[in-house]
Amino acid sequence: MNPATPGDATSDGQTKFEISYLPPVGKPLGTNGYFKFGAGVIIPLLRLITKRDWRGIENLPKSGPVIVVSNHISLIDPLIFAHFLYANGRAPRFLGKASVFKVPFIGKIIAGSGQVPVERETADASFALRHAVAFLEAGHCLGVYPEGTLTRDADTWPMKAKTGIARLAIMTQVPVIPCAQWGAQEILPTYGKRLKLFPRTKVSVWAGAPLHFTQWEGCEDDPVALTEATDYVMAAITTGLEKIRGEQAPTQIFDPHLSDLPRIGNFKRAAGQSARNDRKRE
């Protein structure tokens, strides 16, 4: 795909968003009118309700293609993560769940800012890799949540991730910046609905040193290499989170493939419904 050629991303089987793969411009790099409008609304609100603990800013390249990855702990943490990147010189591109793009007005702002809708756990999800490669070829900062959804770990530690991040990193050989974040779950609990606004919550985002994937070059279709490279990414994120939390992560990493919890969506609601059904059968 030519990075200078716009493409289409389908969010609901009918609505299509035009995606531009033109090289990033503006300040922060990669911004546009929609992005600036959204930032102008969201950032002042985040400043009102958060106290920011940002570290490792020197690890974020000021230009050129880069993948930034993070753990996923709350529905509000993408805003905090984007704020961290935007305030430090990069307006990121994310591949987000398609349902958000269907929200009136908000969806238009998100799509207009250059983000891409992805229908998770469907055949269309494979197109996400094409979009990601095109963004990187154009020189963008690409934001990725390797877990693909909010962590299912009972104590909010990172869980086993999907191998998409490894495939992308191996194919492009672009540096990957591992970021760990903490605190967003205090503002909005995992799949919670009630926001905690005051007193202000400390939110930490720490960026680590770049990860490189030369040892797996040419192995993007090797399952063993993909697993190794994915674990390499998640270990770096988890190490950063251990430093923020001041405690060690469990040695047994939660694996969603070995769980009865749904792979995507509100697993707490699903678990609650299952418990209610069990009580009815008793």
C-alpha atoms as a PDB file:
ATOM      1  CA  MET A   1       0.000   0.000   0.000  1.00  0.00           C
ATOM      2  CA  ASN A   2       1.381   3.381  -0.972  1.00  0.00           C
ATOM      3  CA  PRO A   3       1.579   5.474   2.219  1.00  0.00           C
ATOM      4  CA  ALA A   4       0.693   8.610   0.273  1.00  0.00           C
ATOM      5  CA  THR A   5      -2.586   7.125  -0.910  1.00  0.00           C
ATOM      6  CA  PRO A   6      -5.703   7.424   1.277  1.00  0.00           C
ATOM      7  CA  GLY A   7      -7.479   4.203   2.148  1.00  0.00           C
ATOM      8  CA  ASP A   8     -10.837   3.220   3.571  1.00  0.00           C
ATOM      9  CA  ALA A   9     -11.597   1.747   6.974  1.00  0.00           C
ATOM     10  CA  THR A  10     -15.018   0.241   7.569  1.00  0.00           C
ATOM     11  CA  SER A  11     -16.501   0.633  11.050  1.00  0.00           C
ATOM     12  CA  ASP A  12     -19.910  -0.984  10.671  1.00  0.00           C
ATOM     13  CA  GLY A  13     -20.009  -2.654   7.290  1.00  0.00           C
ATOM     14  CA  GLN A  14     -21.495   0.454   5.678  1.00  0.00           C
ATOM     15  CA  THR A  15     -19.821   3.592   6.983  1.00  0.00           C
ATOM     16  CA  LYS A  16     -16.337   4.169   5.613  1.00  0.00           C
ATOM     17  CA  PHE A  17     -13.705   6.567   6.894  1.00  0.00           C
ATOM     18  CA  GLU A  18     -11.020   7.845   4.560  1.00  0.00           C
ATOM     19  CA  ILE A  19      -7.592   7.274   6.032  1.00  0.00           C
ATOM     20  CA  SER A  20      -4.659   9.446   5.010  1.00  0.00           C
ATOM     21  CA  TYR A  21      -1.168   7.993   5.000  1.00  0.00           C
ATOM     22  CA  LEU A  22       0.530  11.272   4.161  1.00  0.00           C
ATOM     23  CA  PRO A  23       3.707  12.023   6.160  1.00  0.00           C
ATOM     24  CA  PRO A  24       3.059  13.667   9.540  1.00  0.00           C
ATOM     25  CA  VAL A  25       3.206  17.445   9.770  1.00  0.00           C
ATOM     26  CA  GLY A  26       2.450  20.110  12.350  1.00  0.00           C
ATOM     27  CA  LYS A  27       3.400  20.567  15.937  1.00  0.00           C
ATOM     28  CA  PRO A  28       3.064  18.175  17.708  1.00  0.00           C
ATOM     29  CA  LEU A  29       4.195  16.089  14.749  1.00  0.00           C
ATOM     30  CA  GLY A  30       1.220  14.303  13.202  1.00  0.00           C
ATOM     31  CA  THR A  31      -1.445  16.722  14.336  1.00  0.00           C
ATOM     32  CA  ASN A  32      -4.292  18.138  12.236  1.00  0.00           C
ATOM     33  CA  GLY A  33      -7.378  20.277  12.792  1.00  0.00           C
ATOM     34  CA  TYR A  34      -9.513  17.503  14.245  1.00  0.00           C
ATOM     35  CA  PHE A  35      -6.682  16.350  16.507  1.00  0.00           C
ATOM     36  CA  LYS A  36      -6.085  19.884  17.786  1.00  0.00           C
ATOM     37  CA  PHE A  37      -9.797  20.381  18.435  1.00  0.00           C
ATOM     38  CA  GLY A  38     -10.029  17.143  20.411  1.00  0.00           C
ATOM     39  CA  ALA A  39      -6.855  17.939  22.346  1.00  0.00           C
ATOM     40  CA  GLY A  40      -8.160  21.420  23.085  1.00  0.00           C
ATOM     41  CA  VAL A  41     -11.231  19.915  24.732  1.00  0.00           C
ATOM     42  CA  ILE A  42      -9.782  16.836  26.436  1.00  0.00           C
ATOM     43  CA  ILE A  43      -6.408  18.040  27.741  1.00  0.00           C
ATOM     44  CA  PRO A  44      -7.779  20.865  29.941  1.00  0.00           C
ATOM     45  CA  LEU A  45     -10.229  18.367  31.473  1.00  0.00           C
ATOM     46  CA  LEU A  46      -7.450  15.863  32.137  1.00  0.00           C
ATOM     47  CA  ARG A  47      -5.364  18.559  33.770  1.00  0.00           C
ATOM     48  CA  LEU A  48      -8.259  19.317  36.115  1.00  0.00           C
ATOM     49  CA  ILE A  49      -8.622  15.753  37.352  1.00  0.00           C
ATOM     50  CA  THR A  50      -5.061  14.359  37.171  1.00  0.00           C
ATOM     51  CA  LYS A  51      -1.615  14.916  38.601  1.00  0.00           C
ATOM     52  CA  ARG A  52       0.895  13.750  36.010  1.00  0.00           C
ATOM     53  CA  ASP A  53       3.958  11.604  36.676  1.00  0.00           C
ATOM     54  CA  TRP A  54       5.664  11.370  33.298  1.00  0.00           C
ATOM     55  CA  ARG A  55       9.108   9.834  32.889  1.00  0.00           C
ATOM     56  CA  GLY A  56      11.326   8.565  30.092  1.00  0.00           C
ATOM     57  CA  ILE A  57      10.361  11.386  27.754  1.00  0.00           C
ATOM     58  CA  GLU A  58      13.889  11.313  26.335  1.00  0.00           C
ATOM     59  CA  ASN A  59      13.113   7.864  24.890  1.00  0.00           C
ATOM     60  CA  LEU A  60      10.426   9.248  22.559  1.00  0.00           C
ATOM     61  CA  PRO A  61      11.936  10.105  19.157  1.00  0.00           C
ATOM     62  CA  LYS A  62      11.036  13.581  17.945  1.00  0.00           C
ATOM     63  CA  SER A  63      10.493  12.375  14.374  1.00  0.00           C
ATOM     64  CA  GLY A  64      10.469   9.266  12.237  1.00  0.00           C
ATOM     65  CA  PRO A  65       8.442   6.065  12.464  1.00  0.00           C
ATOM     66  CA  VAL A  66       8.012   4.606  15.922  1.00  0.00           C
ATOM     67  CA  ILE A  67       5.659   2.222  17.692  1.00  0.00           C
ATOM     68  CA  VAL A  68       4.654   3.066  21.258  1.00  0.00           C
ATOM     69  CA  VAL A  69       3.068   0.280  23.293  1.00  0.00           C
ATOM     70  CA  SER A  70       1.356   0.258  26.665  1.00  0.00           C
ATOM     71  CA  ASN A  71      -0.605  -1.856  29.107  1.00  0.00           C
ATOM     72  CA  HIS A  72      -4.385  -1.350  29.063  1.00  0.00           C
ATOM     73  CA  ILE A  73      -6.122  -0.856  32.428  1.00  0.00           C
ATOM     74  CA  SER A  74      -9.109   1.469  31.912  1.00  0.00           C
ATOM     75  CA  LEU A  75     -11.348   2.794  29.160  1.00  0.00           C
ATOM     76  CA  ILE A  76      -9.960   6.251  29.924  1.00  0.00           C
ATOM     77  CA  ASP A  77      -6.271   5.365  29.693  1.00  0.00           C
ATOM     78  CA  PRO A  78      -6.055   5.915  25.887  1.00  0.00           C
ATOM     79  CA  LEU A  79      -6.799   9.604  26.555  1.00  0.00           C
ATOM     80  CA  ILE A  80      -4.062   9.777  29.177  1.00  0.00           C
ATOM     81  CA  PHE A  81      -1.607   7.894  26.966  1.00  0.00           C
ATOM     82  CA  ALA A  82      -2.393  10.148  23.988  1.00  0.00           C
ATOM     83  CA  HIS A  83      -1.970  13.222  26.219  1.00  0.00           C
ATOM     84  CA  PHE A  84       1.466  11.972  27.276  1.00  0.00           C
ATOM     85  CA  LEU A  85       2.552  11.536  23.654  1.00  0.00           C
ATOM     86  CA  TYR A  86       0.929  14.732  22.353  1.00  0.00           C
ATOM     87  CA  ALA A  87       2.447  16.906  25.075  1.00  0.00           C
ATOM     88  CA  ASN A  88       5.861  15.458  24.271  1.00  0.00           C
ATOM     89  CA  GLY A  89       5.863  16.134  20.559  1.00  0.00           C
ATOM     90  CA  ARG A  90       3.993  13.292  18.833  1.00  0.00           C
ATOM     91  CA  ALA A  91       0.335  13.131  17.790  1.00  0.00           C
ATOM     92  CA  PRO A  92      -0.175   9.345  17.635  1.00  0.00           C
ATOM     93  CA  ARG A  93      -2.279   7.144  15.405  1.00  0.00           C
ATOM     94  CA  PHE A  94      -4.218   4.346  17.085  1.00  0.00           C
ATOM     95  CA  LEU A  95      -6.115   1.372  15.724  1.00  0.00           C
ATOM     96  CA  GLY A  96      -9.231   1.554  17.899  1.00  0.00           C
ATOM     97  CA  LYS A  97     -12.320  -0.585  18.358  1.00  0.00           C
ATOM     98  CA  ALA A  98     -14.892   0.268  15.715  1.00  0.00           C
ATOM     99  CA  SER A  99     -17.788   0.862  18.116  1.00  0.00           C
ATOM    100  CA  VAL A 100     -16.209   4.121  19.344  1.00  0.00           C
ATOM    101  CA  PHE A 101     -16.278   5.504  15.812  1.00  0.00           C
ATOM    102  CA  LYS A 102     -20.048   5.047  15.676  1.00  0.00           C
ATOM    103  CA  VAL A 103     -20.687   7.465  18.559  1.00  0.00           C
ATOM    104  CA  PRO A 104     -22.246  10.649  17.126  1.00  0.00           C
ATOM    105  CA  PHE A 105     -19.855  13.626  16.912  1.00  0.00           C
ATOM    106  CA  ILE A 106     -17.147  11.895  18.980  1.00  0.00           C
ATOM    107  CA  GLY A 107     -16.651   9.276  16.288  1.00  0.00           C
ATOM    108  CA  LYS A 108     -16.242  11.960  13.650  1.00  0.00           C
ATOM    109  CA  ILE A 109     -13.555  13.728  15.706  1.00  0.00           C
ATOM    110  CA  ILE A 110     -11.691  10.484  16.310  1.00  0.00           C
ATOM    111  CA  ALA A 111     -11.812   9.480  12.653  1.00  0.00           C
ATOM    112  CA  GLY A 112     -10.925  12.985  11.491  1.00  0.00           C
ATOM    113  CA  SER A 113      -7.858  13.019  13.725  1.00  0.00           C
ATOM    114  CA  GLY A 114      -6.478  10.067  11.776  1.00  0.00           C
ATOM    115  CA  GLN A 115      -7.397   7.108  13.967  1.00  0.00           C
ATOM    116  CA  VAL A 116      -8.520   3.839  12.359  1.00  0.00           C
ATOM    117  CA  PRO A 117     -11.534   1.680  13.345  1.00  0.00           C
ATOM    118  CA  VAL A 118     -10.924  -2.048  13.691  1.00  0.00           C
ATOM    119  CA  GLU A 119     -13.557  -4.763  14.060  1.00  0.00           C
ATOM    120  CA  ARG A 120     -11.837  -6.951  16.612  1.00  0.00           C
ATOM    121  CA  GLU A 121     -12.025 -10.757  16.480  1.00  0.00           C
ATOM    122  CA  THR A 122     -13.303 -10.636  12.876  1.00  0.00           C
ATOM    123  CA  ALA A 123     -11.771 -11.300   9.471  1.00  0.00           C
ATOM    124  CA  ASP A 124     -11.615  -7.530   8.898  1.00  0.00           C
ATOM    125  CA  ALA A 125      -9.171  -7.181  11.800  1.00  0.00           C
ATOM    126  CA  SER A 126      -6.406  -8.392   9.473  1.00  0.00           C
ATOM    127  CA  PHE A 127      -6.595  -5.065   7.644  1.00  0.00           C
ATOM    128  CA  ALA A 128      -5.241  -3.402  10.792  1.00  0.00           C
ATOM    129  CA  LEU A 129      -1.751  -4.607   9.915  1.00  0.00           C
ATOM    130  CA  ARG A 130      -1.940  -2.913   6.511  1.00  0.00           C
ATOM    131  CA  HIS A 131      -2.982   0.381   8.090  1.00  0.00           C
ATOM    132  CA  ALA A 132      -0.234   0.109  10.703  1.00  0.00           C
ATOM    133  CA  VAL A 133       2.483  -0.557   8.125  1.00  0.00           C
ATOM    134  CA  ALA A 134       1.278   2.336   5.952  1.00  0.00           C
ATOM    135  CA  PHE A 135       1.368   4.748   8.899  1.00  0.00           C
ATOM    136  CA  LEU A 136       4.889   3.675   9.787  1.00  0.00           C
ATOM    137  CA  GLU A 137       6.100   3.912   6.195  1.00  0.00           C
ATOM    138  CA  ALA A 138       4.838   7.505   6.204  1.00  0.00           C
ATOM    139  CA  GLY A 139       6.793   8.288   9.402  1.00  0.00           C
ATOM    140  CA  HIS A 140       4.005   8.365  11.996  1.00  0.00           C
ATOM    141  CA  CYS A 141       3.991   7.506  15.687  1.00  0.00           C
ATOM    142  CA  LEU A 142       1.746   4.448  16.038  1.00  0.00           C
ATOM    143  CA  GLY A 143       0.130   3.620  19.375  1.00  0.00           C
ATOM    144  CA  VAL A 144      -0.573  -0.056  20.107  1.00  0.00           C
ATOM    145  CA  TYR A 145      -2.126  -1.932  23.012  1.00  0.00           C
ATOM    146  CA  PRO A 146      -0.570  -5.407  22.584  1.00  0.00           C
ATOM    147  CA  GLU A 147      -3.163  -7.073  24.820  1.00  0.00           C
ATOM    148  CA  GLY A 148      -5.903  -5.968  22.436  1.00  0.00           C
ATOM    149  CA  THR A 149      -8.350  -5.225  25.237  1.00  0.00           C
ATOM    150  CA  LEU A 150      -8.444  -4.325  28.934  1.00  0.00           C
ATOM    151  CA  THR A 151      -6.419  -6.731  31.050  1.00  0.00           C
ATOM    152  CA  ARG A 152      -8.368  -9.592  32.609  1.00  0.00           C
ATOM    153  CA  ASP A 153      -5.778 -10.037  35.365  1.00  0.00           C
ATOM    154  CA  ALA A 154      -7.454  -9.794  38.776  1.00  0.00           C
ATOM    155  CA  ASP A 155      -4.803  -7.394  40.078  1.00  0.00           C
ATOM    156  CA  THR A 156      -4.558  -5.353  36.850  1.00  0.00           C
ATOM    157  CA  TRP A 157      -1.161  -6.668  35.767  1.00  0.00           C
ATOM    158  CA  PRO A 158      -0.482  -7.068  32.027  1.00  0.00           C
ATOM    159  CA  MET A 159      -1.749 -10.342  30.608  1.00  0.00           C
ATOM    160  CA  LYS A 160      -0.545 -12.493  27.723  1.00  0.00           C
ATOM    161  CA  ALA A 161      -0.682 -10.366  24.582  1.00  0.00           C
ATOM    162  CA  LYS A 162      -1.592 -11.064  20.998  1.00  0.00           C
ATOM    163  CA  THR A 163       1.260 -11.556  18.536  1.00  0.00           C
ATOM    164  CA  GLY A 164       0.222  -8.712  16.223  1.00  0.00           C
ATOM    165  CA  ILE A 165       2.714  -6.293  17.797  1.00  0.00           C
ATOM    166  CA  ALA A 166       5.555  -8.769  17.220  1.00  0.00           C
ATOM    167  CA  ARG A 167       4.600  -9.335  13.591  1.00  0.00           C
ATOM    168  CA  LEU A 168       4.437  -5.577  12.981  1.00  0.00           C
ATOM    169  CA  ALA A 169       7.760  -4.872  14.703  1.00  0.00           C
ATOM    170  CA  ILE A 170       9.559  -7.713  12.921  1.00  0.00           C
ATOM    171  CA  MET A 171       8.173  -6.732   9.517  1.00  0.00           C
ATOM    172  CA  THR A 172       9.028  -3.044   9.805  1.00  0.00           C
ATOM    173  CA  GLN A 173      12.104  -3.173  12.102  1.00  0.00           C
ATOM    174  CA  VAL A 174      10.841   0.096  13.596  1.00  0.00           C
ATOM    175  CA  PRO A 175      11.866   0.844  17.208  1.00  0.00           C
ATOM    176  CA  VAL A 176       9.246   0.004  19.820  1.00  0.00           C
ATOM    177  CA  ILE A 177       8.975   2.178  22.935  1.00  0.00           C
ATOM    178  CA  PRO A 178       7.518   0.221  25.893  1.00  0.00           C
ATOM    179  CA  CYS A 179       5.361   2.406  28.129  1.00  0.00           C
ATOM    180  CA  ALA A 180       3.796   1.478  31.452  1.00  0.00           C
ATOM    181  CA  GLN A 181       0.874   3.421  32.861  1.00  0.00           C
ATOM    182  CA  TRP A 182      -0.911   3.371  36.190  1.00  0.00           C
ATOM    183  CA  GLY A 183      -3.602   5.436  37.890  1.00  0.00           C
ATOM    184  CA  ALA A 184      -6.245   5.623  35.176  1.00  0.00           C
ATOM    185  CA  GLN A 185      -8.095   2.722  36.814  1.00  0.00           C
ATOM    186  CA  GLU A 186      -8.611   4.934  39.874  1.00  0.00           C
ATOM    187  CA  ILE A 187     -10.434   7.517  37.727  1.00  0.00           C
ATOM    188  CA  LEU A 188     -12.507   4.956  35.860  1.00  0.00           C
ATOM    189  CA  PRO A 189     -12.318   1.337  37.060  1.00  0.00           C
ATOM    190  CA  THR A 190     -12.032  -1.442  34.518  1.00  0.00           C
ATOM    191  CA  TYR A 191     -15.335  -1.381  32.625  1.00  0.00           C
ATOM    192  CA  GLY A 192     -16.694   0.976  35.277  1.00  0.00           C
ATOM    193  CA  LYS A 193     -19.157   3.775  34.543  1.00  0.00           C
ATOM    194  CA  ARG A 194     -18.630   6.197  37.435  1.00  0.00           C
ATOM    195  CA  LEU A 195     -15.798   8.703  37.070  1.00  0.00           C
ATOM    196  CA  LYS A 196     -13.751   9.820  40.060  1.00  0.00           C
ATOM    197  CA  LEU A 197     -13.048  13.492  39.408  1.00  0.00           C
ATOM    198  CA  PHE A 198     -11.764  14.862  42.727  1.00  0.00           C
ATOM    199  CA  PRO A 199      -9.421  14.922  44.451  1.00  0.00           C
ATOM    200  CA  ARG A 200      -7.084  14.766  41.482  1.00  0.00           C
ATOM    201  CA  THR A 201      -5.616  11.353  40.752  1.00  0.00           C
ATOM    202  CA  LYS A 202      -1.929  10.734  40.142  1.00  0.00           C
ATOM    203  CA  VAL A 203      -1.478   9.121  36.726  1.00  0.00           C
ATOM    204  CA  SER A 204       1.912   7.706  35.786  1.00  0.00           C
ATOM    205  CA  VAL A 205       3.209   7.050  32.280  1.00  0.00           C
ATOM    206  CA  TRP A 206       6.814   5.899  32.073  1.00  0.00           C
ATOM    207  CA  ALA A 207       8.492   5.302  28.709  1.00  0.00           C
ATOM    208  CA  GLY A 208      11.353   2.824  28.544  1.00  0.00           C
ATOM    209  CA  ALA A 209      14.327   2.480  26.228  1.00  0.00           C
ATOM    210  CA  PRO A 210      13.621   1.429  22.624  1.00  0.00           C
ATOM    211  CA  LEU A 211      13.212  -2.262  21.868  1.00  0.00           C
ATOM    212  CA  HIS A 212      14.731  -3.685  18.685  1.00  0.00           C
ATOM    213  CA  PHE A 213      13.812  -6.824  16.775  1.00  0.00           C
ATOM    214  CA  THR A 214      16.800  -7.559  14.530  1.00  0.00           C
ATOM    215  CA  GLN A 215      17.254 -11.016  16.065  1.00  0.00           C
ATOM    216  CA  TRP A 216      13.872 -12.041  14.621  1.00  0.00           C
ATOM    217  CA  GLU A 217      14.238 -10.302  11.250  1.00  0.00           C
ATOM    218  CA  GLY A 218      12.531 -12.290   8.495  1.00  0.00           C
ATOM    219  CA  CYS A 219      10.628 -14.431  11.033  1.00  0.00           C
ATOM    220  CA  GLU A 220       7.252 -12.658  10.957  1.00  0.00           C
ATOM    221  CA  ASP A 221       5.529 -15.919   9.988  1.00  0.00           C
ATOM    222  CA  ASP A 222       7.342 -18.105  12.532  1.00  0.00           C
ATOM    223  CA  PRO A 223       4.981 -18.834  15.490  1.00  0.00           C
ATOM    224  CA  VAL A 224       7.884 -19.452  17.872  1.00  0.00           C
ATOM    225  CA  ALA A 225       9.580 -16.171  16.947  1.00  0.00           C
ATOM    226  CA  LEU A 226       6.293 -14.275  17.245  1.00  0.00           C
ATOM    227  CA  THR A 227       5.717 -15.656  20.737  1.00  0.00           C
ATOM    228  CA  GLU A 228       9.263 -14.826  21.826  1.00  0.00           C
ATOM    229  CA  ALA A 229       9.079 -11.283  20.453  1.00  0.00           C
ATOM    230  CA  THR A 230       5.653 -10.683  22.008  1.00  0.00           C
ATOM    231  CA  ASP A 231       6.902 -11.850  25.403  1.00  0.00           C
ATOM    232  CA  TYR A 232       9.918  -9.542  24.965  1.00  0.00           C
ATOM    233  CA  VAL A 233       7.576  -6.555  24.516  1.00  0.00           C
ATOM    234  CA  MET A 234       5.298  -7.449  27.415  1.00  0.00           C
ATOM    235  CA  ALA A 235       8.233  -8.127  29.753  1.00  0.00           C
ATOM    236  CA  ALA A 236       9.496  -4.584  29.139  1.00  0.00           C
ATOM    237  CA  ILE A 237       6.048  -3.108  29.834  1.00  0.00           C
ATOM    238  CA  THR A 238       5.646  -5.211  32.976  1.00  0.00           C
ATOM    239  CA  THR A 239       9.097  -4.232  34.275  1.00  0.00           C
ATOM    240  CA  GLY A 240       8.143  -0.579  33.888  1.00  0.00           C
ATOM    241  CA  LEU A 241       4.867  -1.167  35.721  1.00  0.00           C
ATOM    242  CA  GLU A 242       6.681  -2.932  38.559  1.00  0.00           C
ATOM    243  CA  LYS A 243       8.775   0.200  39.044  1.00  0.00           C
ATOM    244  CA  ILE A 244       5.712   2.433  39.110  1.00  0.00           C
ATOM    245  CA  ARG A 245       3.790   0.206  41.519  1.00  0.00           C
ATOM    246  CA  GLY A 246       6.821  -0.653  43.649  1.00  0.00           C
ATOM    247  CA  GLU A 247       5.993  -4.351  43.649  1.00  0.00           C
ATOM    248  CA  GLN A 248       6.667  -7.472  41.621  1.00  0.00           C
ATOM    249  CA  ALA A 249       4.275  -8.848  39.064  1.00  0.00           C
ATOM    250  CA  PRO A 250       3.077 -12.433  39.577  1.00  0.00           C
ATOM    251  CA  THR A 251       5.247 -15.115  38.001  1.00  0.00           C
ATOM    252  CA  GLN A 252       2.128 -16.709  36.502  1.00  0.00           C
ATOM    253  CA  ILE A 253       0.937 -14.384  33.750  1.00  0.00           C
ATOM    254  CA  PHE A 254      -2.795 -14.404  33.116  1.00  0.00           C
ATOM    255  CA  ASP A 255      -3.485 -16.078  29.771  1.00  0.00           C
ATOM    256  CA  PRO A 256      -6.893 -15.198  28.244  1.00  0.00           C
ATOM    257  CA  HIS A 257      -6.649 -18.246  25.979  1.00  0.00           C
ATOM    258  CA  LEU A 258      -6.858 -20.475  29.056  1.00  0.00           C
ATOM    259  CA  SER A 259      -9.768 -18.574  30.605  1.00  0.00           C
ATOM    260  CA  ASP A 260     -13.529 -18.839  30.181  1.00  0.00           C
ATOM    261  CA  LEU A 261     -13.786 -15.055  30.182  1.00  0.00           C
ATOM    262  CA  PRO A 262     -14.804 -13.440  26.871  1.00  0.00           C
ATOM    263  CA  ARG A 263     -11.843 -12.356  24.766  1.00  0.00           C
ATOM    264  CA  ILE A 264     -13.221  -8.830  24.219  1.00  0.00           C
ATOM    265  CA  GLY A 265     -15.895  -6.668  25.802  1.00  0.00           C
ATOM    266  CA  ASN A 266     -17.011  -6.280  29.398  1.00  0.00           C
ATOM    267  CA  PHE A 267     -15.814  -9.508  30.983  1.00  0.00           C
ATOM    268  CA  LYS A 268     -17.054  -8.405  34.415  1.00  0.00           C
ATOM    269  CA  ARG A 269     -20.613  -8.063  33.154  1.00  0.00           C
ATOM    270  CA  ALA A 270     -20.353 -11.412  31.401  1.00  0.00           C
ATOM    271  CA  ALA A 271     -19.000 -13.054  34.568  1.00  0.00           C
ATOM    272  CA  GLY A 272     -21.812 -11.522  36.611  1.00  0.00           C
ATOM    273  CA  GLN A 273     -24.438 -12.773  34.182  1.00  0.00           C
ATOM    274  CA  SER A 274     -22.906 -16.244  34.282  1.00  0.00           C
ATOM    275  CA  ALA A 275     -23.050 -16.245  38.100  1.00  0.00           C
ATOM    276  CA  ARG A 276     -26.709 -15.166  38.034  1.00  0.00           C
ATOM    277  CA  ASN A 277     -27.532 -17.944  35.587  1.00  0.00           C
ATOM    278  CA  ASP A 278     -25.805 -20.473  37.833  1.00  0.00           C
ATOM    279  CA  ARG A 279     -27.876 -19.321  40.817  1.00  0.00           C
ATOM    280  CA  LYS A 280     -31.078 -19.695  38.814  1.00  0.00           C
ATOM    281  CA  ARG A 281     -30.188 -23.278  37.924  1.00  0.00           C
ATOM    282  CA  GLU A 282     -29.554 -24.208  41.560  1.00  0.00           C
END
